[in-house]
């Protein structure tokens, strides 16, 4: 048996057949992957353009993810604040009812206020997964706690007849960071309160026991009938608003931030030490620590009236109050949501553009590629057929 064609010619035919087969395999990979090449060398001319757009798209997707996470947190914040607003409105109803009577509202008054305080704390301790959203940057720390070092807002001792100086003492020591004024030579607790209000020391007439550090209600009001109201008014005084009692707060004063775009960072959320929350907690805690026996007394009613006024100020926007109401704070919380939504929409438009560019650079026309593969398949099958027939020919077949 001898070859019909020279060896070199047969080898050339085989080479082209195998090369055509490899071309088909490359096209099948392109069809399955949707890409012209599997590495940058296959698109060397456009590789820089592709890398730039891929990096920009990846960065944009990260910005979009940041925005989505923050939008979820803002939704939780808004829900928590709506709950607090609802709870506060219920507290206002009970305070009004207790001021107006009848006595049936007074029997469960302390229990109700205790529940209000707990519900407000639960709402402010809302978490996004493991992250507390009202704690500033201390996201691992529950922002509100009424355990140590918190000192309660107590103005009347549990016996119902003695003025409690806990609030006064803790405010000077814990908030203002000062030693108690009446330890510096100006006298006792009662004398200091009297001096704060009137600018002179009392003459102490009407103090048979002369325990001016622990005066009874009668003793406290004996020289100045307005002294108790002055003590109560300290709960929302200008000094209090300028130097709030926030020892319930375990977070920090750092605003939460999100990087939503290149060179653009926005603050968002709220902290549990906001003045509206502080005033609400102070008012409610004063009610929690109000002895049941004093609710219907003039002193108890004066304290309840003050709590009611503070709650009203927390609910109703009033520039004269010097702080944002819950509704104003909630509006500020929701403000960034629209901004972030607008930025996200712009990012979405860019990703569409980037996908178009990336597809132009590395993508394939699948319809065209399928048609080409079908044509190649026909040619390859013909080549195999020819090779098969040639391999079986002999000189005798040729001579015939």
Protein backbone atom coordinates (compact mmCIF):
# COMPACT_ATOMS: atom_id res chain seq x y z
CA UNK A 1 0.00 0.00 0.00
CA UNK A 2 1.22 3.49 -0.87
CA UNK A 3 -0.09 6.96 -0.12
CA UNK A 4 -2.27 8.74 -2.67
CA UNK A 5 -0.86 12.15 -1.67
CA UNK A 6 2.55 13.16 -0.44
CA UNK A 7 3.08 12.96 3.34
CA UNK A 8 3.46 16.71 3.64
CA UNK A 9 0.11 17.33 1.97
CA UNK A 10 -1.68 14.81 4.16
CA UNK A 11 -0.11 16.35 7.24
CA UNK A 12 -1.27 19.78 6.13
CA UNK A 13 -4.84 18.51 5.74
CA UNK A 14 -4.68 16.96 9.22
CA UNK A 15 -3.24 20.17 10.70
CA UNK A 16 -6.03 22.31 9.33
CA UNK A 17 -8.62 19.84 10.55
CA UNK A 18 -7.24 19.84 14.09
CA UNK A 19 -6.91 23.64 14.02
CA UNK A 20 -10.52 23.92 12.94
CA UNK A 21 -11.49 21.61 15.80
CA UNK A 22 -9.63 23.85 18.31
CA UNK A 23 -11.41 26.89 16.89
CA UNK A 24 -14.72 25.17 17.54
CA UNK A 25 -13.69 24.35 21.10
CA UNK A 26 -12.74 28.00 21.69
CA UNK A 27 -16.12 29.14 20.41
CA UNK A 28 -17.91 26.63 22.65
CA UNK A 29 -16.04 28.07 25.66
CA UNK A 30 -17.02 31.57 24.53
CA UNK A 31 -20.64 30.47 24.21
CA UNK A 32 -20.74 28.89 27.66
CA UNK A 33 -18.91 31.76 29.41
CA UNK A 34 -20.37 34.61 27.38
CA UNK A 35 -16.87 36.10 27.05
CA UNK A 36 -14.56 36.54 24.10
CA UNK A 37 -11.51 35.47 26.12
CA UNK A 38 -10.80 33.91 29.50
CA UNK A 39 -7.86 36.19 30.27
CA UNK A 40 -6.82 39.74 29.50
CA UNK A 41 -4.29 38.65 26.87
CA UNK A 42 -7.19 37.67 24.66
CA UNK A 43 -8.43 41.28 24.62
CA UNK A 44 -5.10 43.07 25.02
CA UNK A 45 -6.17 46.14 23.05
CA UNK A 46 -9.22 46.80 25.30
CA UNK A 47 -7.94 45.34 28.58
CA UNK A 48 -7.28 48.75 30.18
CA UNK A 49 -10.79 49.93 29.39
CA UNK A 50 -12.24 46.72 30.78
CA UNK A 51 -10.25 46.83 34.03
CA UNK A 52 -11.21 50.47 34.63
CA UNK A 53 -14.91 49.81 34.21
CA UNK A 54 -14.85 46.60 36.25
CA UNK A 55 -13.13 48.38 39.15
CA UNK A 56 -15.58 51.30 38.96
CA UNK A 57 -18.53 48.92 38.92
CA UNK A 58 -17.20 46.96 41.91
CA UNK A 59 -16.71 50.17 43.89
CA UNK A 60 -20.21 51.33 42.95
CA UNK A 61 -21.72 48.03 44.05
CA UNK A 62 -20.01 48.46 47.43
CA UNK A 63 -21.50 51.95 47.76
CA UNK A 64 -24.93 50.50 46.91
CA UNK A 65 -24.48 47.81 49.55
CA UNK A 66 -23.50 50.46 52.12
CA UNK A 67 -26.64 52.42 51.27
CA UNK A 68 -28.86 49.33 51.51
CA UNK A 69 -27.49 48.51 54.97
CA UNK A 70 -28.02 52.09 56.19
CA UNK A 71 -31.53 52.24 54.72
CA UNK A 72 -32.37 49.12 56.71
CA UNK A 73 -30.99 50.69 59.88
CA UNK A 74 -32.92 53.89 59.24
CA UNK A 75 -36.10 51.85 58.83
CA UNK A 76 -35.44 50.19 62.21
CA UNK A 77 -34.68 53.60 63.74
CA UNK A 78 -37.88 55.07 62.36
CA UNK A 79 -39.92 52.11 63.64
CA UNK A 80 -38.34 52.40 67.09
CA UNK A 81 -39.04 56.13 67.26
CA UNK A 82 -42.63 55.59 66.14
CA UNK A 83 -43.03 53.14 69.01
CA UNK A 84 -41.54 55.64 71.46
CA UNK A 85 -43.88 58.34 70.17
CA UNK A 86 -46.89 56.06 70.67
CA UNK A 87 -45.73 55.08 74.17
CA UNK A 88 -45.15 58.73 75.09
CA UNK A 89 -48.63 59.71 73.97
CA UNK A 90 -50.10 56.99 76.17
CA UNK A 91 -48.01 58.27 79.07
CA UNK A 92 -49.37 61.76 78.49
CA UNK A 93 -52.94 60.42 78.68
CA UNK A 94 -52.26 58.72 82.01
CA UNK A 95 -50.54 61.81 83.42
CA UNK A 96 -53.50 63.96 82.42
CA UNK A 97 -55.94 61.45 83.86
CA UNK A 98 -54.02 61.28 87.13
CA UNK A 99 -54.00 65.06 87.41
CA UNK A 100 -57.73 65.19 86.74
CA UNK A 101 -58.70 62.10 88.78
CA UNK A 102 -60.46 59.92 89.63
CA UNK A 103 -58.50 57.91 92.16
CA UNK A 104 -58.88 54.76 90.07
CA UNK A 105 -56.12 56.07 87.78
CA UNK A 106 -53.75 56.39 90.70
CA UNK A 107 -53.74 52.77 91.83
CA UNK A 108 -51.69 51.49 88.88
CA UNK A 109 -49.95 54.77 88.03
CA UNK A 110 -46.48 53.73 89.23
CA UNK A 111 -46.71 50.33 87.50
CA UNK A 112 -47.73 51.99 84.25
CA UNK A 113 -44.83 54.44 84.38
CA UNK A 114 -42.43 51.60 85.17
CA UNK A 115 -43.65 49.82 82.04
CA UNK A 116 -43.27 53.02 80.00
CA UNK A 117 -39.66 53.35 81.10
CA UNK A 118 -38.97 49.72 80.20
CA UNK A 119 -40.61 50.05 76.77
CA UNK A 120 -38.71 53.22 75.95
CA UNK A 121 -35.45 51.52 76.95
CA UNK A 122 -36.29 48.46 74.81
CA UNK A 123 -37.00 50.66 71.78
CA UNK A 124 -33.75 52.60 72.23
CA UNK A 125 -31.87 49.30 72.59
CA UNK A 126 -33.02 48.17 69.14
CA UNK A 127 -30.39 46.17 67.26
CA UNK A 128 -29.59 45.60 63.61
CA UNK A 129 -28.30 42.06 63.95
CA UNK A 130 -25.63 42.48 66.62
CA UNK A 131 -25.34 46.25 66.15
CA UNK A 132 -27.14 48.67 68.50
CA UNK A 133 -28.44 51.55 66.38
CA UNK A 134 -28.86 54.25 69.07
CA UNK A 135 -25.34 53.95 70.58
CA UNK A 136 -23.34 56.20 68.27
CA UNK A 137 -20.14 54.40 67.32
CA UNK A 138 -20.30 52.02 70.32
CA UNK A 139 -22.42 49.62 68.34
CA UNK A 140 -21.63 46.68 70.61
CA UNK A 141 -23.03 48.44 73.69
CA UNK A 142 -26.72 48.68 74.62
CA UNK A 143 -27.27 52.46 74.87
CA UNK A 144 -29.80 52.50 77.74
CA UNK A 145 -29.43 50.88 81.14
CA UNK A 146 -30.88 51.78 84.53
CA UNK A 147 -28.29 49.81 86.49
CA UNK A 148 -25.12 51.24 88.04
CA UNK A 149 -23.75 53.89 87.52
CA UNK A 150 -27.22 55.29 86.82
CA UNK A 151 -28.77 57.15 89.75
CA UNK A 152 -32.53 57.44 89.74
CA UNK A 153 -34.48 60.68 89.44
CA UNK A 154 -35.88 60.67 92.96
CA UNK A 155 -37.23 63.82 94.61
CA UNK A 156 -39.37 62.32 97.40
CA UNK A 157 -38.15 59.55 99.68
CA UNK A 158 -40.09 56.30 99.94
CA UNK A 159 -41.63 57.35 103.28
CA UNK A 160 -43.57 59.99 101.35
CA UNK A 161 -42.79 62.81 103.81
CA UNK A 162 -39.10 63.59 103.29
CA UNK A 163 -37.50 65.45 100.42
CA UNK A 164 -35.02 63.20 98.60
CA UNK A 165 -31.81 64.96 97.62
CA UNK A 166 -30.65 62.08 95.33
CA UNK A 167 -31.43 64.00 92.15
CA UNK A 168 -29.77 67.18 93.38
CA UNK A 169 -26.66 65.38 94.62
CA UNK A 170 -26.22 63.17 91.55
CA UNK A 171 -26.70 66.08 89.20
CA UNK A 172 -23.96 68.16 90.81
CA UNK A 173 -21.57 65.23 91.18
CA UNK A 174 -22.22 63.06 88.11
CA UNK A 175 -23.27 65.67 85.54
CA UNK A 176 -21.57 68.90 86.51
CA UNK A 177 -18.56 67.12 87.97
CA UNK A 178 -18.55 69.40 91.00
CA UNK A 179 -18.46 68.74 94.68
CA UNK A 180 -21.77 69.47 96.32
CA UNK A 181 -22.12 73.21 96.86
CA UNK A 182 -23.35 72.84 100.42
CA UNK A 183 -20.18 71.01 101.44
CA UNK A 184 -18.14 74.12 100.64
CA UNK A 185 -19.28 76.12 103.61
CA UNK A 186 -22.68 77.27 102.43
CA UNK A 187 -24.59 74.87 104.67
CA UNK A 188 -26.86 71.88 104.18
CA UNK A 189 -28.88 70.54 101.25
CA UNK A 190 -31.90 72.63 102.22
CA UNK A 191 -29.80 75.76 102.68
CA UNK A 192 -28.18 75.34 99.27
CA UNK A 193 -31.52 74.88 97.48
CA UNK A 194 -32.87 77.93 99.27
CA UNK A 195 -29.75 79.91 98.37
CA UNK A 196 -29.94 78.78 94.71
CA UNK A 197 -33.45 80.16 94.46
CA UNK A 198 -33.30 83.26 96.65
CA UNK A 199 -29.66 84.29 96.70
CA UNK A 200 -29.57 84.35 100.52
CA UNK A 201 -29.45 81.68 103.18
CA UNK A 202 -32.63 80.76 105.12
CA UNK A 203 -32.95 81.71 108.77
CA UNK A 204 -34.04 78.12 109.57
CA UNK A 205 -37.14 79.19 111.49
CA UNK A 206 -39.57 76.28 111.51
CA UNK A 207 -36.98 73.50 111.70
CA UNK A 208 -37.65 71.89 115.08
CA UNK A 209 -35.48 68.88 114.25
CA UNK A 210 -32.93 71.00 112.45
CA UNK A 211 -32.10 68.14 110.01
CA UNK A 212 -31.60 70.41 107.04
CA UNK A 213 -29.89 67.66 105.01
CA UNK A 214 -33.08 65.58 105.18
CA UNK A 215 -35.95 68.08 105.54
CA UNK A 216 -39.56 67.01 105.61
CA UNK A 217 -41.98 68.49 103.09
CA UNK A 218 -43.31 70.80 105.78
CA UNK A 219 -39.83 71.98 106.71
CA UNK A 220 -38.78 72.33 103.08
CA UNK A 221 -41.66 74.68 102.29
CA UNK A 222 -41.80 76.49 105.63
CA UNK A 223 -39.81 79.61 104.75
CA UNK A 224 -40.51 79.64 101.01
CA UNK A 225 -43.73 77.99 99.77
CA UNK A 226 -42.35 78.07 96.22
CA UNK A 227 -39.18 76.16 97.04
CA UNK A 228 -40.61 72.74 96.14
CA UNK A 229 -41.73 74.01 92.74
CA UNK A 230 -38.24 75.41 92.20
CA UNK A 231 -36.73 71.99 92.98
CA UNK A 232 -39.18 70.30 90.60
CA UNK A 233 -38.48 72.85 87.85
CA UNK A 234 -34.84 71.85 87.84
CA UNK A 235 -35.86 68.72 85.87
CA UNK A 236 -36.20 70.75 82.66
CA UNK A 237 -34.29 73.89 83.59
CA UNK A 238 -31.99 75.71 81.19
CA UNK A 239 -29.07 74.28 83.12
CA UNK A 240 -30.43 70.76 82.70
CA UNK A 241 -30.87 71.18 78.94
CA UNK A 242 -27.36 72.61 78.65
CA UNK A 243 -25.89 69.87 80.89
CA UNK A 244 -28.31 66.93 80.63
CA UNK A 245 -28.38 64.01 83.03
CA UNK A 246 -27.59 61.09 80.72
CA UNK A 247 -26.02 58.56 83.06
CA UNK A 248 -28.48 56.01 81.64
CA UNK A 249 -26.61 56.29 78.31
CA UNK A 250 -23.76 53.87 77.56
CA UNK A 251 -22.94 54.95 74.03
CA UNK A 252 -20.79 57.83 72.81
CA UNK A 253 -21.35 61.16 71.06
CA UNK A 254 -20.07 60.07 67.63
CA UNK A 255 -22.60 60.27 64.81
CA UNK A 256 -23.03 57.19 62.63
CA UNK A 257 -21.73 57.77 59.11
CA UNK A 258 -21.87 56.06 55.74
CA UNK A 259 -19.71 56.60 52.68
CA UNK A 260 -22.30 56.66 49.92
CA UNK A 261 -20.08 57.82 47.04
CA UNK A 262 -16.56 58.94 46.26
CA UNK A 263 -15.90 61.95 48.46
CA UNK A 264 -19.39 61.91 49.96
CA UNK A 265 -20.08 60.84 53.54
CA UNK A 266 -23.38 61.45 55.31
CA UNK A 267 -24.38 61.27 58.98
CA UNK A 268 -27.48 59.27 59.80
CA UNK A 269 -29.58 57.93 62.67
CA UNK A 270 -30.08 59.18 66.22
CA UNK A 271 -28.50 58.58 69.60
CA UNK A 272 -30.26 57.68 72.83
CA UNK A 273 -28.73 60.72 74.54
CA UNK A 274 -30.69 63.14 72.34
CA UNK A 275 -32.39 65.84 74.48
CA UNK A 276 -35.90 64.61 73.68
CA UNK A 277 -35.02 61.11 74.90
CA UNK A 278 -33.23 62.51 77.95
CA UNK A 279 -36.19 64.66 78.93
CA UNK A 280 -38.62 61.80 78.40
CA UNK A 281 -36.58 59.38 80.51
CA UNK A 282 -36.06 61.99 83.25
CA UNK A 283 -39.79 62.73 83.45
CA UNK A 284 -40.83 59.08 83.42
CA UNK A 285 -38.17 58.02 85.92
CA UNK A 286 -39.31 60.78 88.32
CA UNK A 287 -42.77 59.17 88.17
CA UNK A 288 -41.37 55.65 88.66
CA UNK A 289 -39.70 56.82 91.87
CA UNK A 290 -42.69 58.79 93.14
CA UNK A 291 -44.09 57.12 96.29
CA UNK A 292 -47.66 55.93 95.81
CA UNK A 293 -48.74 57.73 98.95
CA UNK A 294 -47.73 61.14 97.59
CA UNK A 295 -49.55 61.01 94.24
CA UNK A 296 -52.55 62.98 95.50
CA UNK A 297 -50.56 65.41 97.67
CA UNK A 298 -49.79 68.96 96.49
CA UNK A 299 -46.10 68.07 96.16
CA UNK A 300 -46.86 64.87 94.25
CA UNK A 301 -49.27 66.63 91.91
CA UNK A 302 -46.71 69.39 91.28
CA UNK A 303 -44.18 66.75 90.26
CA UNK A 304 -46.73 64.95 88.06
CA UNK A 305 -47.63 68.27 86.42
CA UNK A 306 -43.96 68.88 85.68
CA UNK A 307 -43.61 65.40 84.18
CA UNK A 308 -46.71 66.02 82.11
CA UNK A 309 -45.30 69.33 80.79
CA UNK A 310 -41.97 67.68 79.95
CA UNK A 311 -43.73 64.87 78.07
CA UNK A 312 -45.79 67.44 76.19
CA UNK A 313 -42.64 69.30 75.17
CA UNK A 314 -41.09 66.04 74.02
CA UNK A 315 -44.10 65.42 71.77
CA UNK A 316 -44.82 68.91 70.44
CA UNK A 317 -42.38 70.95 68.38
CA UNK A 318 -41.61 74.24 70.09
CA UNK A 319 -38.51 76.26 69.32
CA UNK A 320 -38.75 77.89 72.74
CA UNK A 321 -38.02 74.55 74.40
CA UNK A 322 -34.50 74.58 73.05
CA UNK A 323 -34.48 70.99 71.78
CA UNK A 324 -36.01 68.89 69.04
CA UNK A 325 -39.26 67.11 69.77
CA UNK A 326 -39.62 63.43 68.90
CA UNK A 327 -41.41 64.33 65.67
CA UNK A 328 -38.67 66.78 64.66
CA UNK A 329 -35.99 64.24 65.50
CA UNK A 330 -37.82 61.62 63.46
CA UNK A 331 -37.96 63.98 60.47
CA UNK A 332 -34.20 64.48 60.74
CA UNK A 333 -33.69 60.73 60.92
CA UNK A 334 -35.69 60.22 57.74
CA UNK A 335 -33.98 63.09 55.91
CA UNK A 336 -30.93 61.08 54.75
CA UNK A 337 -33.19 58.34 53.37
CA UNK A 338 -34.23 60.45 50.38
CA UNK A 339 -30.67 61.59 49.77
CA UNK A 340 -29.36 58.03 49.92
CA UNK A 341 -32.14 56.78 47.66
CA UNK A 342 -31.23 59.41 45.06
CA UNK A 343 -27.54 58.48 45.23
CA UNK A 344 -28.38 54.80 44.92
CA UNK A 345 -30.47 55.46 41.82
CA UNK A 346 -27.50 57.23 40.27
CA UNK A 347 -25.29 54.26 41.15
CA UNK A 348 -27.78 51.91 39.50
CA UNK A 349 -27.62 53.95 36.30
CA UNK A 350 -23.84 53.79 36.34
CA UNK A 351 -23.78 50.02 36.80
CA UNK A 352 -26.04 49.70 33.73
CA UNK A 353 -23.58 51.83 31.75
CA UNK A 354 -20.59 49.88 33.09
CA UNK A 355 -22.25 46.57 32.20
CA UNK A 356 -22.79 47.86 28.67
CA UNK A 357 -19.13 48.82 28.29
CA UNK A 358 -17.94 45.53 29.78
CA UNK A 359 -20.23 43.59 27.46
CA UNK A 360 -18.90 45.49 24.46
CA UNK A 361 -15.32 44.67 25.42
CA UNK A 362 -15.53 41.05 26.52
CA UNK A 363 -18.97 39.88 25.53
CA UNK A 364 -19.97 37.77 22.51
CA UNK A 365 -22.96 37.83 20.18
CA UNK A 366 -24.45 34.49 21.07
CA UNK A 367 -26.75 34.27 18.02
CA UNK A 368 -23.84 34.95 15.69
CA UNK A 369 -21.61 32.56 17.59
CA UNK A 370 -24.17 29.74 17.44
CA UNK A 371 -24.58 30.20 13.68
CA UNK A 372 -20.80 30.16 13.26
CA UNK A 373 -20.51 27.01 15.35
CA UNK A 374 -23.12 25.26 13.27
CA UNK A 375 -21.23 26.15 10.09
CA UNK A 376 -17.96 25.02 11.63
CA UNK A 377 -19.58 21.77 12.70
CA UNK A 378 -20.63 21.00 9.11
CA UNK A 379 -17.14 21.79 7.82
CA UNK A 380 -15.48 19.69 10.52
CA UNK A 381 -17.70 16.71 9.81
CA UNK A 382 -16.85 17.01 6.09
CA UNK A 383 -13.14 17.17 6.96
CA UNK A 384 -13.43 14.04 9.11
CA UNK A 385 -15.24 12.28 6.28
CA UNK A 386 -12.57 13.21 3.74
CA UNK A 387 -9.76 12.13 6.05
CA UNK A 388 -11.51 8.86 6.71
CA UNK A 389 -11.92 8.11 3.06
CA UNK A 390 -8.36 9.12 2.18
CA UNK A 391 -6.94 6.89 4.91
CA UNK A 392 -8.60 3.83 3.30
CA UNK A 393 -7.49 4.44 -0.30
CA UNK A 394 -4.80 2.22 -1.96
CA UNK A 395 -2.90 2.51 -5.23
CA UNK A 396 -5.26 0.01 -6.73
CA UNK A 397 -8.27 2.24 -5.84
CA UNK A 398 -6.46 5.14 -7.40
CA UNK A 399 -5.61 3.25 -10.65
CA UNK A 400 -9.17 2.14 -11.14
